[in-house]
Amino acid sequence: MEGTRHGLETCEALRRMYELTVADPVWNRAAMEAGGPEAREGDLALAALLSIHSLATNGGLLHSVESHDSRAIERGTEGFRYFGLLDAAEAVGWVVNRVAATDLDADTDAAEQLESEADLRYGQAVPTDSTLVTRFEEIFAERSEAFAPLG
């Protein structure tokens, strides 16, 4: 009997862990649909920062900056600022400035150093995905009207 009760508690805990919050579909829409067809300012800011973040976590911040055009970088930086992630915005801006001032193809040592420093700065600003999730959930709770309604 005790094992069954423990098993039910474990199942309930797992169910709660995977239960979607009201904010989750908004996050998913930003990640998968660039904010959706009727995106509002919050959706657009989240989608833009997630575009920068997803490449930064997979290939490094330098890779992310090199893979985005200047307008996408600007929107991503604005997205980080919108969510109060000023250190992340600053890290992206720092990389953009360094890339503009350095011939990375000609100076592989400088490229490696830049890549390392960029990842360090970004990692300090956004140590885990939870950093972004927490800020998004806070802003969503404060200003849900800045995000398009669901369904």
C-alpha atoms as a PDB file:
ATOM      1  CA  MET A   1       0.000   0.000   0.000  1.00  0.00           C
ATOM      2  CA  GLU A   2       2.809   2.418   0.876  1.00  0.00           C
ATOM      3  CA  GLY A   3       4.542   1.757  -2.453  1.00  0.00           C
ATOM      4  CA  THR A   4       1.338   2.491  -4.342  1.00  0.00           C
ATOM      5  CA  ARG A   5       0.843   5.802  -2.534  1.00  0.00           C
ATOM      6  CA  HIS A   6       4.437   6.784  -3.228  1.00  0.00           C
ATOM      7  CA  GLY A   7       3.982   5.833  -6.877  1.00  0.00           C
ATOM      8  CA  LEU A   8       0.864   8.009  -7.144  1.00  0.00           C
ATOM      9  CA  GLU A   9       2.700  10.941  -5.562  1.00  0.00           C
ATOM     10  CA  THR A  10       5.543  10.516  -8.018  1.00  0.00           C
ATOM     11  CA  CYS A  11       3.113  10.404 -10.960  1.00  0.00           C
ATOM     12  CA  GLU A  12       1.374  13.542  -9.704  1.00  0.00           C
ATOM     13  CA  ALA A  13       4.703  15.348  -9.331  1.00  0.00           C
ATOM     14  CA  LEU A  14       5.692  14.360 -12.883  1.00  0.00           C
ATOM     15  CA  ARG A  15       2.328  15.488 -14.248  1.00  0.00           C
ATOM     16  CA  ARG A  16       2.713  18.894 -12.594  1.00  0.00           C
ATOM     17  CA  MET A  17       6.253  19.195 -13.939  1.00  0.00           C
ATOM     18  CA  TYR A  18       5.029  18.735 -17.514  1.00  0.00           C
ATOM     19  CA  GLU A  19       1.806  20.712 -17.169  1.00  0.00           C
ATOM     20  CA  LEU A  20       1.747  23.760 -19.403  1.00  0.00           C
ATOM     21  CA  THR A  21       1.309  27.157 -17.835  1.00  0.00           C
ATOM     22  CA  VAL A  22      -0.651  29.955 -19.525  1.00  0.00           C
ATOM     23  CA  ALA A  23       2.688  31.486 -20.564  1.00  0.00           C
ATOM     24  CA  ASP A  24       4.071  28.327 -22.196  1.00  0.00           C
ATOM     25  CA  PRO A  25       2.079  28.558 -25.460  1.00  0.00           C
ATOM     26  CA  VAL A  26       3.161  32.207 -25.795  1.00  0.00           C
ATOM     27  CA  TRP A  27       6.809  31.161 -25.383  1.00  0.00           C
ATOM     28  CA  ASN A  28       6.339  28.331 -27.883  1.00  0.00           C
ATOM     29  CA  ARG A  29       4.674  30.656 -30.389  1.00  0.00           C
ATOM     30  CA  ALA A  30       7.642  33.046 -30.124  1.00  0.00           C
ATOM     31  CA  ALA A  31      10.132  30.221 -30.563  1.00  0.00           C
ATOM     32  CA  MET A  32       8.368  28.375 -33.373  1.00  0.00           C
ATOM     33  CA  GLU A  33       6.345  31.050 -35.192  1.00  0.00           C
ATOM     34  CA  ALA A  34       8.400  34.247 -34.672  1.00  0.00           C
ATOM     35  CA  GLY A  35       5.653  35.485 -32.345  1.00  0.00           C
ATOM     36  CA  GLY A  36       2.752  34.465 -34.552  1.00  0.00           C
ATOM     37  CA  PRO A  37       0.712  36.238 -37.240  1.00  0.00           C
ATOM     38  CA  GLU A  38      -0.750  38.807 -34.840  1.00  0.00           C
ATOM     39  CA  ALA A  39       2.371  39.299 -32.730  1.00  0.00           C
ATOM     40  CA  ARG A  40       2.487  42.203 -30.328  1.00  0.00           C
ATOM     41  CA  GLU A  41       5.552  43.958 -28.920  1.00  0.00           C
ATOM     42  CA  GLY A  42       6.201  41.335 -26.237  1.00  0.00           C
ATOM     43  CA  ASP A  43       5.906  38.479 -28.733  1.00  0.00           C
ATOM     44  CA  LEU A  44       8.295  40.186 -31.137  1.00  0.00           C
ATOM     45  CA  ALA A  45      10.816  40.972 -28.411  1.00  0.00           C
ATOM     46  CA  LEU A  46      10.745  37.386 -27.158  1.00  0.00           C
ATOM     47  CA  ALA A  47      11.031  35.904 -30.650  1.00  0.00           C
ATOM     48  CA  ALA A  48      13.981  38.161 -31.478  1.00  0.00           C
ATOM     49  CA  LEU A  49      15.947  37.371 -28.335  1.00  0.00           C
ATOM     50  CA  LEU A  50      15.223  33.655 -28.710  1.00  0.00           C
ATOM     51  CA  SER A  51      16.654  33.746 -32.227  1.00  0.00           C
ATOM     52  CA  ILE A  52      19.932  35.142 -30.883  1.00  0.00           C
ATOM     53  CA  HIS A  53      19.874  32.876 -27.826  1.00  0.00           C
ATOM     54  CA  SER A  54      19.189  29.631 -29.666  1.00  0.00           C
ATOM     55  CA  LEU A  55      22.242  30.009 -31.879  1.00  0.00           C
ATOM     56  CA  ALA A  56      24.347  31.297 -28.976  1.00  0.00           C
ATOM     57  CA  THR A  57      23.600  28.199 -26.929  1.00  0.00           C
ATOM     58  CA  ASN A  58      24.287  25.872 -29.848  1.00  0.00           C
ATOM     59  CA  GLY A  59      27.340  27.456 -31.452  1.00  0.00           C
ATOM     60  CA  GLY A  60      28.389  30.351 -29.248  1.00  0.00           C
ATOM     61  CA  LEU A  61      27.549  34.041 -29.222  1.00  0.00           C
ATOM     62  CA  LEU A  62      30.069  34.861 -31.941  1.00  0.00           C
ATOM     63  CA  HIS A  63      28.435  32.266 -34.191  1.00  0.00           C
ATOM     64  CA  SER A  64      25.010  33.725 -33.431  1.00  0.00           C
ATOM     65  CA  VAL A  65      26.135  37.264 -34.274  1.00  0.00           C
ATOM     66  CA  GLU A  66      27.808  36.107 -37.485  1.00  0.00           C
ATOM     67  CA  SER A  67      24.677  34.158 -38.473  1.00  0.00           C
ATOM     68  CA  HIS A  68      22.223  37.046 -38.079  1.00  0.00           C
ATOM     69  CA  ASP A  69      21.936  40.151 -40.214  1.00  0.00           C
ATOM     70  CA  SER A  70      22.291  43.547 -38.575  1.00  0.00           C
ATOM     71  CA  ARG A  71      18.524  44.091 -38.293  1.00  0.00           C
ATOM     72  CA  ALA A  72      18.007  40.729 -36.550  1.00  0.00           C
ATOM     73  CA  ILE A  73      20.839  41.528 -34.142  1.00  0.00           C
ATOM     74  CA  GLU A  74      19.298  44.919 -33.420  1.00  0.00           C
ATOM     75  CA  ARG A  75      15.880  43.335 -32.764  1.00  0.00           C
ATOM     76  CA  GLY A  76      17.467  40.649 -30.583  1.00  0.00           C
ATOM     77  CA  THR A  77      19.364  43.237 -28.568  1.00  0.00           C
ATOM     78  CA  GLU A  78      16.161  45.247 -28.163  1.00  0.00           C
ATOM     79  CA  GLY A  79      14.445  42.029 -27.060  1.00  0.00           C
ATOM     80  CA  PHE A  80      16.992  41.439 -24.331  1.00  0.00           C
ATOM     81  CA  ARG A  81      16.486  45.021 -23.151  1.00  0.00           C
ATOM     82  CA  TYR A  82      12.695  44.660 -23.257  1.00  0.00           C
ATOM     83  CA  PHE A  83      12.972  41.785 -20.791  1.00  0.00           C
ATOM     84  CA  GLY A  84      15.481  43.605 -18.599  1.00  0.00           C
ATOM     85  CA  LEU A  85      18.409  41.407 -19.622  1.00  0.00           C
ATOM     86  CA  LEU A  86      20.748  44.340 -20.039  1.00  0.00           C
ATOM     87  CA  ASP A  87      23.961  42.347 -19.588  1.00  0.00           C
ATOM     88  CA  ALA A  88      22.922  40.017 -22.411  1.00  0.00           C
ATOM     89  CA  ALA A  89      22.180  42.995 -24.660  1.00  0.00           C
ATOM     90  CA  GLU A  90      25.544  44.458 -23.749  1.00  0.00           C
ATOM     91  CA  ALA A  91      27.325  41.170 -24.529  1.00  0.00           C
ATOM     92  CA  VAL A  92      25.736  41.042 -27.987  1.00  0.00           C
ATOM     93  CA  GLY A  93      26.661  44.675 -28.648  1.00  0.00           C
ATOM     94  CA  TRP A  94      30.216  44.048 -27.487  1.00  0.00           C
ATOM     95  CA  VAL A  95      30.594  41.161 -29.943  1.00  0.00           C
ATOM     96  CA  VAL A  96      29.126  43.201 -32.798  1.00  0.00           C
ATOM     97  CA  ASN A  97      31.645  45.984 -32.139  1.00  0.00           C
ATOM     98  CA  ARG A  98      34.565  43.569 -31.884  1.00  0.00           C
ATOM     99  CA  VAL A  99      33.593  41.775 -35.095  1.00  0.00           C
ATOM    100  CA  ALA A 100      33.441  45.116 -36.910  1.00  0.00           C
ATOM    101  CA  ALA A 101      36.898  46.063 -35.616  1.00  0.00           C
ATOM    102  CA  THR A 102      38.668  42.754 -36.232  1.00  0.00           C
ATOM    103  CA  ASP A 103      39.503  40.771 -39.360  1.00  0.00           C
ATOM    104  CA  LEU A 104      38.581  37.391 -37.889  1.00  0.00           C
ATOM    105  CA  ASP A 105      39.496  35.505 -41.054  1.00  0.00           C
ATOM    106  CA  ALA A 106      43.037  36.895 -41.051  1.00  0.00           C
ATOM    107  CA  ASP A 107      43.608  36.672 -37.303  1.00  0.00           C
ATOM    108  CA  THR A 108      42.504  33.266 -36.040  1.00  0.00           C
ATOM    109  CA  ASP A 109      44.013  33.904 -32.599  1.00  0.00           C
ATOM    110  CA  ALA A 110      41.875  37.028 -32.235  1.00  0.00           C
ATOM    111  CA  ALA A 111      38.848  35.065 -33.455  1.00  0.00           C
ATOM    112  CA  GLU A 112      39.390  32.342 -30.857  1.00  0.00           C
ATOM    113  CA  GLN A 113      39.929  34.903 -28.105  1.00  0.00           C
ATOM    114  CA  LEU A 114      36.795  36.787 -29.148  1.00  0.00           C
ATOM    115  CA  GLU A 115      34.765  33.599 -29.227  1.00  0.00           C
ATOM    116  CA  SER A 116      35.923  32.633 -25.752  1.00  0.00           C
ATOM    117  CA  GLU A 117      35.315  36.094 -24.265  1.00  0.00           C
ATOM    118  CA  ALA A 118      31.920  36.360 -25.972  1.00  0.00           C
ATOM    119  CA  ASP A 119      30.778  33.038 -24.541  1.00  0.00           C
ATOM    120  CA  LEU A 120      32.023  34.012 -21.095  1.00  0.00           C
ATOM    121  CA  ARG A 121      30.154  37.333 -21.171  1.00  0.00           C
ATOM    122  CA  TYR A 122      26.969  35.775 -22.502  1.00  0.00           C
ATOM    123  CA  GLY A 123      27.192  32.888 -20.049  1.00  0.00           C
ATOM    124  CA  GLN A 124      27.422  35.335 -17.163  1.00  0.00           C
ATOM    125  CA  ALA A 125      24.434  37.295 -18.472  1.00  0.00           C
ATOM    126  CA  VAL A 126      22.326  34.221 -19.277  1.00  0.00           C
ATOM    127  CA  PRO A 127      23.707  31.310 -17.239  1.00  0.00           C
ATOM    128  CA  THR A 128      20.792  29.001 -18.090  1.00  0.00           C
ATOM    129  CA  ASP A 129      17.619  28.980 -20.154  1.00  0.00           C
ATOM    130  CA  SER A 130      15.791  29.440 -16.851  1.00  0.00           C
ATOM    131  CA  THR A 131      17.153  32.982 -16.730  1.00  0.00           C
ATOM    132  CA  LEU A 132      15.170  33.808 -19.857  1.00  0.00           C
ATOM    133  CA  VAL A 133      12.108  31.840 -18.794  1.00  0.00           C
ATOM    134  CA  THR A 134      11.943  33.599 -15.428  1.00  0.00           C
ATOM    135  CA  ARG A 135      12.213  37.084 -16.948  1.00  0.00           C
ATOM    136  CA  PHE A 136       9.632  36.225 -19.607  1.00  0.00           C
ATOM    137  CA  GLU A 137       7.187  34.886 -17.024  1.00  0.00           C
ATOM    138  CA  GLU A 138       7.633  38.014 -14.890  1.00  0.00           C
ATOM    139  CA  ILE A 139       7.001  40.361 -17.811  1.00  0.00           C
ATOM    140  CA  PHE A 140       4.119  38.227 -19.061  1.00  0.00           C
ATOM    141  CA  ALA A 141       2.491  38.370 -15.616  1.00  0.00           C
ATOM    142  CA  GLU A 142       2.975  42.158 -15.415  1.00  0.00           C
ATOM    143  CA  ARG A 143       2.018  43.041 -18.994  1.00  0.00           C
ATOM    144  CA  SER A 144       0.094  40.195 -20.609  1.00  0.00           C
ATOM    145  CA  GLU A 145      -1.524  42.696 -22.985  1.00  0.00           C
ATOM    146  CA  ALA A 146       1.882  43.073 -24.669  1.00  0.00           C
ATOM    147  CA  PHE A 147       1.420  39.537 -26.022  1.00  0.00           C
ATOM    148  CA  ALA A 148      -1.161  38.398 -28.569  1.00  0.00           C
ATOM    149  CA  PRO A 149      -4.040  36.382 -27.139  1.00  0.00           C
ATOM    150  CA  LEU A 150      -3.999  32.639 -27.582  1.00  0.00           C
ATOM    151  CA  GLY A 151      -6.283  30.774 -29.931  1.00  0.00           C
END
